[in-house]
Amino acid sequence: MIALPRLYAIVDSSCFPDAGAMFAACEEWAAGGVRLLQYRNKGGDARQMLEQARELRRRLSPSVKLIMNDRADLCLAAGFDGVHVGQDDLSPAGTRKVIGPSLWLGVSTHNPEQVREADVTAADYIAVGPVFATTSKKRPDPVIGIAGVRRAQELTRKPLVAIGGITRTNCRSVLEAGADAVAVISDLVHHPRKSAEEFLRILG
């Protein structure tokens, strides 16, 4: 069973004007205490994603675990610590065959049935959401609310990451509902180091 830090930062390339700003934000997050970071780039080609991923690995300390969104092959090529897959990506079993037994594997879920299915896979942790309304996806799944987090926690013994619309204002309630960690995108973008420090202070 892996131990998740309470704050799971997600760097989405679409939130930044250029790669330089994105790298700078990640360095600020790390300086503010972030120890788990997912790189997400839905619009880039494989070459660009690999270049950016390798640059993140070069800039950040090995104490920061780096997770690749969607792409198991790029996770390996960039020297990342794990991969996170969605419902429409390579299956957890197929992903595990690619990355081997030691790298972290996360899977996204959006309802109780998907949580049950993920619980019996090779995933190390399960993400569930969106907990609240989110603007980070063009076609988000239905909001599950705090009650959805509680239900997911009842259905799995795997570490649970809550995602979707989580801010400094509501993050504590998400942990209290049973999540082991909160994944955050938008509320970490502005004043990155200060935001990370405030999240960690609130999450305790």
N, C-alpha and C. Protein backbone atom coordinates (compact mmCIF):
# COMPACT_ATOMS: atom_id res chain seq x y z
N MET A 1 0.85 -1.20 0.00
CA MET A 1 0.00 0.00 0.00
C MET A 1 0.88 1.24 0.00
N ILE A 2 0.70 2.10 -0.99
CA ILE A 2 1.51 3.31 -1.07
C ILE A 2 0.99 4.36 -0.10
N ALA A 3 1.86 5.28 0.28
CA ALA A 3 1.48 6.40 1.15
C ALA A 3 1.41 7.67 0.31
N LEU A 4 0.21 8.19 0.15
CA LEU A 4 0.02 9.40 -0.65
C LEU A 4 0.19 10.65 0.20
N PRO A 5 0.94 11.64 -0.29
CA PRO A 5 0.89 12.94 0.38
C PRO A 5 -0.51 13.53 0.21
N ARG A 6 -0.91 14.41 1.12
CA ARG A 6 -2.29 14.90 1.09
C ARG A 6 -2.57 15.82 -0.10
N LEU A 7 -1.53 16.47 -0.60
CA LEU A 7 -1.71 17.36 -1.76
C LEU A 7 -1.11 16.71 -3.00
N TYR A 8 -1.95 16.53 -4.00
CA TYR A 8 -1.56 15.93 -5.27
C TYR A 8 -1.72 17.04 -6.32
N ALA A 9 -0.62 17.66 -6.69
CA ALA A 9 -0.67 18.77 -7.65
C ALA A 9 -0.72 18.22 -9.08
N ILE A 10 -1.55 18.83 -9.90
CA ILE A 10 -1.60 18.47 -11.32
C ILE A 10 -1.23 19.70 -12.13
N VAL A 11 -0.18 19.55 -12.93
CA VAL A 11 0.22 20.65 -13.81
C VAL A 11 -0.37 20.37 -15.19
N ASP A 12 -1.31 21.21 -15.59
CA ASP A 12 -1.97 21.09 -16.89
C ASP A 12 -1.35 22.15 -17.80
N SER A 13 -0.73 21.70 -18.87
CA SER A 13 -0.01 22.64 -19.74
C SER A 13 -0.91 23.73 -20.29
N SER A 14 -2.21 23.46 -20.41
CA SER A 14 -3.13 24.46 -20.97
C SER A 14 -3.38 25.63 -20.02
N CYS A 15 -2.95 25.50 -18.75
CA CYS A 15 -3.16 26.57 -17.77
C CYS A 15 -2.06 27.63 -17.81
N PHE A 16 -1.05 27.42 -18.66
CA PHE A 16 0.11 28.31 -18.66
C PHE A 16 0.36 28.87 -20.06
N PRO A 17 0.88 30.11 -20.14
CA PRO A 17 1.10 30.73 -21.45
C PRO A 17 2.19 30.05 -22.27
N ASP A 18 3.15 29.43 -21.59
CA ASP A 18 4.23 28.75 -22.29
C ASP A 18 4.89 27.74 -21.34
N ALA A 19 5.80 26.95 -21.89
CA ALA A 19 6.46 25.90 -21.10
C ALA A 19 7.29 26.49 -19.98
N GLY A 20 7.92 27.64 -20.24
CA GLY A 20 8.76 28.26 -19.21
C GLY A 20 7.96 28.61 -17.96
N ALA A 21 6.75 29.14 -18.16
CA ALA A 21 5.89 29.48 -17.02
C ALA A 21 5.45 28.22 -16.29
N MET A 22 5.20 27.17 -17.04
CA MET A 22 4.80 25.91 -16.43
C MET A 22 5.93 25.32 -15.57
N PHE A 23 7.15 25.31 -16.12
CA PHE A 23 8.29 24.79 -15.35
C PHE A 23 8.52 25.61 -14.09
N ALA A 24 8.41 26.92 -14.22
CA ALA A 24 8.62 27.80 -13.07
C ALA A 24 7.60 27.52 -11.97
N ALA A 25 6.34 27.31 -12.36
CA ALA A 25 5.30 27.01 -11.38
C ALA A 25 5.59 25.71 -10.66
N CYS A 26 6.04 24.71 -11.40
CA CYS A 26 6.36 23.41 -10.79
C CYS A 26 7.50 23.54 -9.79
N GLU A 27 8.49 24.33 -10.13
CA GLU A 27 9.60 24.55 -9.20
C GLU A 27 9.12 25.28 -7.94
N GLU A 28 8.20 26.22 -8.12
CA GLU A 28 7.64 26.93 -6.98
C GLU A 28 6.82 25.98 -6.09
N TRP A 29 6.05 25.12 -6.73
CA TRP A 29 5.27 24.14 -5.95
C TRP A 29 6.20 23.25 -5.13
N ALA A 30 7.25 22.78 -5.76
CA ALA A 30 8.20 21.92 -5.04
C ALA A 30 8.82 22.67 -3.87
N ALA A 31 9.16 23.93 -4.10
CA ALA A 31 9.73 24.75 -3.02
C ALA A 31 8.72 24.95 -1.90
N GLY A 32 7.44 24.94 -2.24
CA GLY A 32 6.37 25.11 -1.25
C GLY A 32 5.97 23.84 -0.55
N GLY A 33 6.57 22.70 -0.95
CA GLY A 33 6.30 21.46 -0.24
C GLY A 33 5.59 20.37 -1.02
N VAL A 34 5.26 20.61 -2.29
CA VAL A 34 4.60 19.58 -3.10
C VAL A 34 5.55 18.41 -3.31
N ARG A 35 5.05 17.19 -3.08
CA ARG A 35 5.87 15.99 -3.23
C ARG A 35 5.26 14.99 -4.20
N LEU A 36 4.13 15.34 -4.81
CA LEU A 36 3.49 14.48 -5.81
C LEU A 36 2.90 15.37 -6.87
N LEU A 37 3.32 15.14 -8.12
CA LEU A 37 2.97 16.05 -9.22
C LEU A 37 2.66 15.25 -10.47
N GLN A 38 1.49 15.50 -11.03
CA GLN A 38 1.12 14.86 -12.29
C GLN A 38 1.26 15.84 -13.44
N TYR A 39 1.90 15.39 -14.51
CA TYR A 39 2.04 16.20 -15.73
C TYR A 39 0.94 15.79 -16.71
N ARG A 40 0.14 16.81 -17.10
CA ARG A 40 -0.98 16.56 -18.00
C ARG A 40 -0.88 17.50 -19.19
N ASN A 41 -0.90 16.93 -20.38
CA ASN A 41 -0.83 17.72 -21.61
C ASN A 41 -1.72 17.05 -22.64
N LYS A 42 -2.95 17.53 -22.74
CA LYS A 42 -3.93 16.91 -23.64
C LYS A 42 -3.78 17.38 -25.08
N GLY A 43 -3.03 18.49 -25.29
CA GLY A 43 -2.97 19.06 -26.62
C GLY A 43 -1.65 18.84 -27.34
N GLY A 44 -0.64 18.36 -26.64
CA GLY A 44 0.68 18.25 -27.25
C GLY A 44 0.88 16.91 -27.96
N ASP A 45 1.86 16.89 -28.86
CA ASP A 45 2.22 15.61 -29.48
C ASP A 45 3.22 14.89 -28.59
N ALA A 46 3.52 13.65 -28.92
CA ALA A 46 4.36 12.81 -28.06
C ALA A 46 5.75 13.41 -27.89
N ARG A 47 6.30 14.00 -28.93
CA ARG A 47 7.65 14.56 -28.83
C ARG A 47 7.68 15.73 -27.85
N GLN A 48 6.70 16.62 -27.98
CA GLN A 48 6.64 17.77 -27.06
C GLN A 48 6.43 17.31 -25.63
N MET A 49 5.53 16.35 -25.44
CA MET A 49 5.26 15.85 -24.10
C MET A 49 6.51 15.23 -23.47
N LEU A 50 7.24 14.46 -24.25
CA LEU A 50 8.44 13.83 -23.72
C LEU A 50 9.50 14.87 -23.37
N GLU A 51 9.67 15.86 -24.23
CA GLU A 51 10.65 16.92 -23.95
C GLU A 51 10.29 17.65 -22.65
N GLN A 52 9.02 18.00 -22.51
CA GLN A 52 8.60 18.73 -21.31
C GLN A 52 8.71 17.84 -20.06
N ALA A 53 8.36 16.58 -20.21
CA ALA A 53 8.43 15.66 -19.08
C ALA A 53 9.88 15.47 -18.62
N ARG A 54 10.77 15.31 -19.56
CA ARG A 54 12.18 15.15 -19.20
C ARG A 54 12.74 16.41 -18.54
N GLU A 55 12.27 17.56 -19.00
CA GLU A 55 12.72 18.81 -18.38
C GLU A 55 12.20 18.93 -16.95
N LEU A 56 10.97 18.49 -16.72
CA LEU A 56 10.44 18.48 -15.36
C LEU A 56 11.27 17.56 -14.47
N ARG A 57 11.58 16.39 -14.98
CA ARG A 57 12.39 15.45 -14.19
C ARG A 57 13.77 16.04 -13.88
N ARG A 58 14.33 16.76 -14.85
CA ARG A 58 15.65 17.35 -14.66
C ARG A 58 15.61 18.46 -13.61
N ARG A 59 14.54 19.25 -13.62
CA ARG A 59 14.47 20.41 -12.73
C ARG A 59 14.08 20.07 -11.30
N LEU A 60 13.33 19.01 -11.12
CA LEU A 60 12.77 18.72 -9.80
C LEU A 60 13.55 17.62 -9.09
N SER A 61 13.63 17.75 -7.80
CA SER A 61 14.33 16.79 -6.95
C SER A 61 13.68 15.41 -7.04
N PRO A 62 14.46 14.35 -6.87
CA PRO A 62 13.88 13.01 -6.83
C PRO A 62 12.86 12.85 -5.70
N SER A 63 12.87 13.77 -4.73
CA SER A 63 11.89 13.69 -3.64
C SER A 63 10.47 14.03 -4.12
N VAL A 64 10.37 14.62 -5.32
CA VAL A 64 9.06 14.90 -5.92
C VAL A 64 8.70 13.75 -6.85
N LYS A 65 7.66 13.00 -6.51
CA LYS A 65 7.21 11.92 -7.38
C LYS A 65 6.46 12.51 -8.57
N LEU A 66 6.85 12.08 -9.77
CA LEU A 66 6.25 12.59 -10.99
C LEU A 66 5.40 11.51 -11.65
N ILE A 67 4.16 11.88 -11.96
CA ILE A 67 3.20 10.97 -12.57
C ILE A 67 2.84 11.48 -13.95
N MET A 68 2.89 10.60 -14.93
CA MET A 68 2.51 10.94 -16.31
C MET A 68 1.04 10.66 -16.52
N ASN A 69 0.31 11.60 -17.07
CA ASN A 69 -1.09 11.39 -17.38
C ASN A 69 -1.23 10.61 -18.69
N ASP A 70 -1.97 9.54 -18.66
CA ASP A 70 -2.37 8.75 -19.83
C ASP A 70 -1.29 7.84 -20.42
N ARG A 71 -0.07 8.32 -20.58
CA ARG A 71 0.90 7.66 -21.45
C ARG A 71 1.94 6.85 -20.67
N ALA A 72 1.74 5.53 -20.64
CA ALA A 72 2.69 4.64 -19.96
C ALA A 72 4.05 4.65 -20.65
N ASP A 73 4.04 4.74 -21.97
CA ASP A 73 5.31 4.74 -22.71
C ASP A 73 6.15 5.97 -22.39
N LEU A 74 5.49 7.12 -22.31
CA LEU A 74 6.23 8.35 -22.00
C LEU A 74 6.66 8.40 -20.54
N CYS A 75 5.90 7.77 -19.68
CA CYS A 75 6.29 7.65 -18.27
C CYS A 75 7.66 6.99 -18.17
N LEU A 76 7.82 5.89 -18.88
CA LEU A 76 9.11 5.17 -18.87
C LEU A 76 10.21 5.99 -19.53
N ALA A 77 9.89 6.57 -20.68
CA ALA A 77 10.91 7.30 -21.44
C ALA A 77 11.41 8.54 -20.70
N ALA A 78 10.55 9.14 -19.87
CA ALA A 78 10.93 10.36 -19.16
C ALA A 78 11.52 10.07 -17.78
N GLY A 79 11.52 8.81 -17.36
CA GLY A 79 12.03 8.48 -16.04
C GLY A 79 11.10 8.92 -14.92
N PHE A 80 9.79 8.88 -15.20
CA PHE A 80 8.80 9.27 -14.19
C PHE A 80 8.58 8.13 -13.19
N ASP A 81 7.84 8.45 -12.13
CA ASP A 81 7.62 7.50 -11.04
C ASP A 81 6.31 6.74 -11.16
N GLY A 82 5.48 7.11 -12.13
CA GLY A 82 4.22 6.42 -12.28
C GLY A 82 3.37 7.01 -13.39
N VAL A 83 2.20 6.42 -13.60
CA VAL A 83 1.30 6.87 -14.65
C VAL A 83 -0.13 6.84 -14.12
N HIS A 84 -0.95 7.75 -14.64
CA HIS A 84 -2.36 7.82 -14.25
C HIS A 84 -3.20 7.66 -15.50
N VAL A 85 -4.15 6.71 -15.47
CA VAL A 85 -4.97 6.46 -16.65
C VAL A 85 -6.44 6.73 -16.35
N GLY A 86 -7.16 7.11 -17.40
CA GLY A 86 -8.59 7.35 -17.30
C GLY A 86 -9.39 6.17 -17.80
N GLN A 87 -10.69 6.32 -17.81
CA GLN A 87 -11.57 5.24 -18.23
C GLN A 87 -11.43 4.90 -19.71
N ASP A 88 -10.96 5.84 -20.51
CA ASP A 88 -10.84 5.61 -21.95
C ASP A 88 -9.41 5.32 -22.39
N ASP A 89 -8.51 5.19 -21.43
CA ASP A 89 -7.10 4.92 -21.76
C ASP A 89 -6.82 3.43 -21.69
N LEU A 90 -5.57 3.06 -21.83
CA LEU A 90 -5.14 1.69 -21.65
C LEU A 90 -5.60 1.18 -20.29
N SER A 91 -6.04 -0.05 -20.22
CA SER A 91 -6.57 -0.59 -18.96
C SER A 91 -5.47 -0.65 -17.89
N PRO A 92 -5.87 -0.68 -16.61
CA PRO A 92 -4.85 -0.82 -15.55
C PRO A 92 -3.98 -2.06 -15.75
N ALA A 93 -4.58 -3.17 -16.18
CA ALA A 93 -3.79 -4.39 -16.40
C ALA A 93 -2.79 -4.19 -17.53
N GLY A 94 -3.25 -3.59 -18.62
CA GLY A 94 -2.35 -3.33 -19.74
C GLY A 94 -1.26 -2.34 -19.38
N THR A 95 -1.63 -1.32 -18.62
CA THR A 95 -0.65 -0.32 -18.18
C THR A 95 0.39 -0.95 -17.29
N ARG A 96 -0.04 -1.80 -16.37
CA ARG A 96 0.91 -2.46 -15.46
C ARG A 96 1.92 -3.31 -16.23
N LYS A 97 1.48 -3.93 -17.31
CA LYS A 97 2.40 -4.72 -18.13
C LYS A 97 3.49 -3.85 -18.74
N VAL A 98 3.12 -2.62 -19.07
CA VAL A 98 4.09 -1.70 -19.68
C VAL A 98 5.07 -1.15 -18.65
N ILE A 99 4.56 -0.73 -17.49
CA ILE A 99 5.41 -0.02 -16.53
C ILE A 99 6.08 -0.93 -15.51
N GLY A 100 5.63 -2.18 -15.42
CA GLY A 100 6.24 -3.08 -14.46
C GLY A 100 5.62 -2.96 -13.08
N PRO A 101 6.13 -3.73 -12.11
CA PRO A 101 5.49 -3.83 -10.81
C PRO A 101 5.77 -2.69 -9.84
N SER A 102 6.84 -1.92 -10.07
CA SER A 102 7.29 -1.00 -9.03
C SER A 102 6.80 0.44 -9.18
N LEU A 103 6.48 0.87 -10.41
CA LEU A 103 6.02 2.25 -10.60
C LEU A 103 4.57 2.39 -10.15
N TRP A 104 4.23 3.61 -9.73
CA TRP A 104 2.86 3.87 -9.26
C TRP A 104 1.88 3.88 -10.43
N LEU A 105 0.68 3.36 -10.16
CA LEU A 105 -0.39 3.36 -11.15
C LEU A 105 -1.67 3.86 -10.50
N GLY A 106 -2.23 4.93 -11.08
CA GLY A 106 -3.50 5.47 -10.62
C GLY A 106 -4.55 5.35 -11.70
N VAL A 107 -5.81 5.28 -11.29
CA VAL A 107 -6.90 5.18 -12.26
C VAL A 107 -8.03 6.12 -11.86
N SER A 108 -8.61 6.79 -12.84
CA SER A 108 -9.72 7.71 -12.59
C SER A 108 -11.05 6.97 -12.58
N THR A 109 -11.92 7.36 -11.64
CA THR A 109 -13.27 6.81 -11.57
C THR A 109 -14.26 7.94 -11.35
N HIS A 110 -15.51 7.68 -11.72
CA HIS A 110 -16.52 8.75 -11.66
C HIS A 110 -17.84 8.30 -11.05
N ASN A 111 -17.93 7.04 -10.64
CA ASN A 111 -19.15 6.53 -10.03
C ASN A 111 -18.82 5.27 -9.23
N PRO A 112 -19.74 4.80 -8.40
CA PRO A 112 -19.45 3.63 -7.55
C PRO A 112 -19.05 2.38 -8.34
N GLU A 113 -19.70 2.14 -9.47
CA GLU A 113 -19.37 0.95 -10.26
C GLU A 113 -17.91 0.99 -10.71
N GLN A 114 -17.46 2.13 -11.18
CA GLN A 114 -16.07 2.25 -11.61
C GLN A 114 -15.10 2.10 -10.44
N VAL A 115 -15.48 2.59 -9.26
CA VAL A 115 -14.63 2.43 -8.08
C VAL A 115 -14.49 0.95 -7.75
N ARG A 116 -15.59 0.22 -7.78
CA ARG A 116 -15.55 -1.23 -7.51
C ARG A 116 -14.63 -1.94 -8.50
N GLU A 117 -14.76 -1.57 -9.77
CA GLU A 117 -13.93 -2.21 -10.80
C GLU A 117 -12.45 -1.89 -10.57
N ALA A 118 -12.16 -0.63 -10.24
CA ALA A 118 -10.76 -0.23 -10.04
C ALA A 118 -10.16 -0.89 -8.81
N ASP A 119 -11.00 -1.19 -7.84
CA ASP A 119 -10.52 -1.77 -6.59
C ASP A 119 -9.87 -3.14 -6.78
N VAL A 120 -10.28 -3.86 -7.81
CA VAL A 120 -9.74 -5.20 -8.03
C VAL A 120 -8.67 -5.23 -9.13
N THR A 121 -8.22 -4.06 -9.55
CA THR A 121 -7.15 -3.97 -10.55
C THR A 121 -5.79 -3.82 -9.87
N ALA A 122 -4.77 -3.67 -10.70
CA ALA A 122 -3.40 -3.49 -10.21
C ALA A 122 -3.10 -2.04 -9.85
N ALA A 123 -4.11 -1.19 -9.82
CA ALA A 123 -3.90 0.23 -9.48
C ALA A 123 -3.42 0.37 -8.04
N ASP A 124 -2.51 1.32 -7.82
CA ASP A 124 -2.02 1.62 -6.47
C ASP A 124 -2.93 2.59 -5.75
N TYR A 125 -3.61 3.46 -6.50
CA TYR A 125 -4.55 4.40 -5.90
C TYR A 125 -5.68 4.65 -6.88
N ILE A 126 -6.79 5.13 -6.34
CA ILE A 126 -7.98 5.42 -7.16
C ILE A 126 -8.32 6.90 -7.01
N ALA A 127 -8.52 7.56 -8.13
CA ALA A 127 -9.00 8.95 -8.12
C ALA A 127 -10.50 8.93 -8.37
N VAL A 128 -11.23 9.80 -7.67
CA VAL A 128 -12.67 9.86 -7.85
C VAL A 128 -13.12 11.32 -7.96
N GLY A 129 -14.06 11.55 -8.87
CA GLY A 129 -14.53 12.91 -9.06
C GLY A 129 -15.33 13.04 -10.36
N PRO A 130 -15.71 14.25 -10.72
CA PRO A 130 -15.41 15.50 -10.01
C PRO A 130 -16.25 15.68 -8.74
N VAL A 131 -15.57 16.08 -7.67
CA VAL A 131 -16.26 16.30 -6.41
C VAL A 131 -17.14 17.54 -6.51
N PHE A 132 -16.57 18.60 -7.08
CA PHE A 132 -17.30 19.85 -7.29
C PHE A 132 -17.23 20.21 -8.77
N ALA A 133 -17.98 21.21 -9.17
CA ALA A 133 -17.94 21.66 -10.56
C ALA A 133 -16.52 22.09 -10.91
N THR A 134 -16.09 21.73 -12.11
CA THR A 134 -14.71 22.01 -12.52
C THR A 134 -14.68 22.62 -13.91
N THR A 135 -13.68 23.44 -14.15
CA THR A 135 -13.51 24.04 -15.48
C THR A 135 -12.30 23.45 -16.20
N SER A 136 -11.65 22.46 -15.60
CA SER A 136 -10.40 21.94 -16.18
C SER A 136 -10.64 20.89 -17.26
N LYS A 137 -11.91 20.47 -17.44
CA LYS A 137 -12.24 19.53 -18.50
C LYS A 137 -13.36 20.10 -19.35
N LYS A 138 -13.26 19.86 -20.67
CA LYS A 138 -14.28 20.39 -21.58
C LYS A 138 -15.62 19.70 -21.39
N ARG A 139 -15.58 18.38 -21.14
CA ARG A 139 -16.82 17.62 -20.95
C ARG A 139 -16.70 16.82 -19.65
N PRO A 140 -16.84 17.48 -18.51
CA PRO A 140 -16.67 16.78 -17.23
C PRO A 140 -17.81 15.79 -16.97
N ASP A 141 -17.48 14.77 -16.18
CA ASP A 141 -18.50 13.83 -15.72
C ASP A 141 -19.38 14.52 -14.68
N PRO A 142 -20.54 13.92 -14.35
CA PRO A 142 -21.42 14.54 -13.35
C PRO A 142 -20.74 14.69 -11.99
N VAL A 143 -21.02 15.79 -11.33
CA VAL A 143 -20.45 16.06 -10.02
C VAL A 143 -20.95 15.01 -9.01
N ILE A 144 -20.02 14.49 -8.19
CA ILE A 144 -20.39 13.45 -7.22
C ILE A 144 -20.60 14.01 -5.81
N GLY A 145 -20.05 15.21 -5.54
CA GLY A 145 -20.22 15.82 -4.23
C GLY A 145 -19.46 15.10 -3.12
N ILE A 146 -19.55 15.65 -1.93
CA ILE A 146 -18.92 15.05 -0.76
C ILE A 146 -19.46 13.64 -0.51
N ALA A 147 -20.75 13.44 -0.75
CA ALA A 147 -21.36 12.12 -0.55
C ALA A 147 -20.72 11.08 -1.46
N GLY A 148 -20.33 11.49 -2.67
CA GLY A 148 -19.67 10.58 -3.59
C GLY A 148 -18.30 10.15 -3.10
N VAL A 149 -17.60 11.06 -2.44
CA VAL A 149 -16.30 10.71 -1.85
C VAL A 149 -16.49 9.70 -0.72
N ARG A 150 -17.48 9.94 0.12
CA ARG A 150 -17.77 9.00 1.22
C ARG A 150 -18.10 7.61 0.68
N ARG A 151 -18.92 7.57 -0.35
CA ARG A 151 -19.30 6.28 -0.94
C ARG A 151 -18.08 5.58 -1.53
N ALA A 152 -17.23 6.30 -2.23
CA ALA A 152 -16.03 5.69 -2.81
C ALA A 152 -15.13 5.12 -1.72
N GLN A 153 -15.01 5.84 -0.62
CA GLN A 153 -14.16 5.39 0.47
C GLN A 153 -14.68 4.08 1.07
N GLU A 154 -15.98 3.89 1.04
CA GLU A 154 -16.59 2.65 1.55
C GLU A 154 -16.31 1.46 0.63
N LEU A 155 -16.04 1.74 -0.64
CA LEU A 155 -15.95 0.69 -1.64
C LEU A 155 -14.53 0.22 -1.94
N THR A 156 -13.53 0.87 -1.36
CA THR A 156 -12.15 0.47 -1.65
C THR A 156 -11.26 0.64 -0.44
N ARG A 157 -10.25 -0.19 -0.37
CA ARG A 157 -9.21 -0.02 0.65
C ARG A 157 -7.98 0.64 0.05
N LYS A 158 -7.99 0.85 -1.25
CA LYS A 158 -6.87 1.54 -1.88
C LYS A 158 -6.89 3.02 -1.50
N PRO A 159 -5.72 3.67 -1.48
CA PRO A 159 -5.70 5.11 -1.24
C PRO A 159 -6.59 5.85 -2.24
N LEU A 160 -7.31 6.85 -1.74
CA LEU A 160 -8.31 7.54 -2.55
C LEU A 160 -7.92 9.00 -2.74
N VAL A 161 -7.89 9.42 -4.00
CA VAL A 161 -7.60 10.80 -4.37
C VAL A 161 -8.87 11.45 -4.88
N ALA A 162 -9.30 12.53 -4.26
CA ALA A 162 -10.47 13.27 -4.72
C ALA A 162 -10.02 14.37 -5.67
N ILE A 163 -10.78 14.57 -6.74
CA ILE A 163 -10.41 15.57 -7.75
C ILE A 163 -11.65 16.28 -8.27
N GLY A 164 -11.46 17.51 -8.72
CA GLY A 164 -12.55 18.24 -9.36
C GLY A 164 -13.04 19.42 -8.54
N GLY A 165 -12.61 20.61 -8.93
CA GLY A 165 -13.10 21.82 -8.28
C GLY A 165 -12.64 22.01 -6.85
N ILE A 166 -11.53 21.36 -6.48
CA ILE A 166 -11.07 21.44 -5.09
C ILE A 166 -10.20 22.68 -4.90
N THR A 167 -10.52 23.44 -3.84
CA THR A 167 -9.86 24.70 -3.54
C THR A 167 -9.42 24.72 -2.08
N ARG A 168 -8.73 25.79 -1.72
CA ARG A 168 -8.34 25.94 -0.32
C ARG A 168 -9.56 26.07 0.59
N THR A 169 -10.66 26.54 0.03
CA THR A 169 -11.87 26.73 0.82
C THR A 169 -12.56 25.41 1.16
N ASN A 170 -12.54 24.46 0.24
CA ASN A 170 -13.31 23.24 0.45
C ASN A 170 -12.48 21.98 0.68
N CYS A 171 -11.16 22.07 0.59
CA CYS A 171 -10.32 20.87 0.60
C CYS A 171 -10.40 20.08 1.90
N ARG A 172 -10.54 20.80 3.01
CA ARG A 172 -10.58 20.12 4.30
C ARG A 172 -11.80 19.21 4.41
N SER A 173 -12.93 19.66 3.88
CA SER A 173 -14.15 18.86 3.95
C SER A 173 -14.03 17.59 3.13
N VAL A 174 -13.21 17.65 2.07
CA VAL A 174 -13.01 16.47 1.22
C VAL A 174 -12.21 15.40 1.97
N LEU A 175 -11.17 15.83 2.69
CA LEU A 175 -10.42 14.88 3.51
C LEU A 175 -11.31 14.28 4.60
N GLU A 176 -12.11 15.11 5.20
CA GLU A 176 -12.99 14.64 6.28
C GLU A 176 -14.02 13.64 5.77
N ALA A 177 -14.31 13.68 4.46
CA ALA A 177 -15.25 12.72 3.86
C ALA A 177 -14.59 11.38 3.57
N GLY A 178 -13.27 11.30 3.74
CA GLY A 178 -12.61 10.01 3.57
C GLY A 178 -11.52 9.95 2.52
N ALA A 179 -11.28 11.04 1.80
CA ALA A 179 -10.19 11.03 0.82
C ALA A 179 -8.84 11.04 1.54
N ASP A 180 -7.87 10.35 0.96
CA ASP A 180 -6.51 10.36 1.50
C ASP A 180 -5.71 11.55 0.97
N ALA A 181 -6.11 12.03 -0.22
CA ALA A 181 -5.40 13.14 -0.85
C ALA A 181 -6.38 13.92 -1.71
N VAL A 182 -6.03 15.19 -1.98
CA VAL A 182 -6.82 16.00 -2.91
C VAL A 182 -5.94 16.39 -4.09
N ALA A 183 -6.49 16.22 -5.29
CA ALA A 183 -5.80 16.64 -6.50
C ALA A 183 -6.27 18.03 -6.88
N VAL A 184 -5.33 18.92 -7.16
CA VAL A 184 -5.66 20.32 -7.40
C VAL A 184 -4.98 20.79 -8.68
N ILE A 185 -5.72 21.53 -9.49
CA ILE A 185 -5.18 22.12 -10.72
C ILE A 185 -5.25 23.64 -10.62
N SER A 186 -6.45 24.19 -10.80
CA SER A 186 -6.61 25.64 -10.97
C SER A 186 -6.17 26.46 -9.76
N ASP A 187 -6.48 25.99 -8.55
CA ASP A 187 -6.21 26.81 -7.36
C ASP A 187 -4.74 26.79 -6.94
N LEU A 188 -3.91 26.18 -7.76
CA LEU A 188 -2.46 26.24 -7.51
C LEU A 188 -1.72 27.10 -8.52
N VAL A 189 -2.43 27.58 -9.54
CA VAL A 189 -1.76 28.25 -10.66
C VAL A 189 -1.22 29.63 -10.28
N HIS A 190 -2.02 30.42 -9.57
CA HIS A 190 -1.61 31.78 -9.24
C HIS A 190 -0.83 31.80 -7.92
N HIS A 191 0.29 32.49 -7.91
CA HIS A 191 1.18 32.52 -6.74
C HIS A 191 1.48 31.08 -6.29
N PRO A 192 2.14 30.30 -7.14
CA PRO A 192 2.26 28.86 -6.93
C PRO A 192 2.82 28.45 -5.57
N ARG A 193 3.93 29.06 -5.15
CA ARG A 193 4.51 28.61 -3.88
C ARG A 193 3.60 28.93 -2.70
N LYS A 194 3.08 30.14 -2.68
CA LYS A 194 2.18 30.54 -1.59
C LYS A 194 0.94 29.65 -1.56
N SER A 195 0.39 29.35 -2.73
CA SER A 195 -0.81 28.51 -2.81
C SER A 195 -0.52 27.12 -2.26
N ALA A 196 0.61 26.54 -2.66
CA ALA A 196 0.98 25.20 -2.18
C ALA A 196 1.15 25.20 -0.67
N GLU A 197 1.84 26.19 -0.16
CA GLU A 197 2.06 26.26 1.28
C GLU A 197 0.73 26.38 2.05
N GLU A 198 -0.19 27.19 1.49
CA GLU A 198 -1.49 27.36 2.16
C GLU A 198 -2.30 26.05 2.13
N PHE A 199 -2.29 25.36 0.99
CA PHE A 199 -2.98 24.06 0.92
C PHE A 199 -2.43 23.11 1.98
N LEU A 200 -1.10 23.01 2.06
CA LEU A 200 -0.49 22.05 2.98
C LEU A 200 -0.80 22.41 4.42
N ARG A 201 -0.85 23.69 4.69
CA ARG A 201 -1.17 24.13 6.05
C ARG A 201 -2.63 23.76 6.40
N ILE A 202 -3.54 23.97 5.46
CA ILE A 202 -4.96 23.64 5.69
C ILE A 202 -5.17 22.14 5.80
N LEU A 203 -4.48 21.39 4.96
CA LEU A 203 -4.66 19.93 4.94
C LEU A 203 -4.04 19.25 6.15
N GLY A 204 -3.05 19.91 6.76
CA GLY A 204 -2.46 19.42 8.00
C GLY A 204 -1.58 18.20 7.85
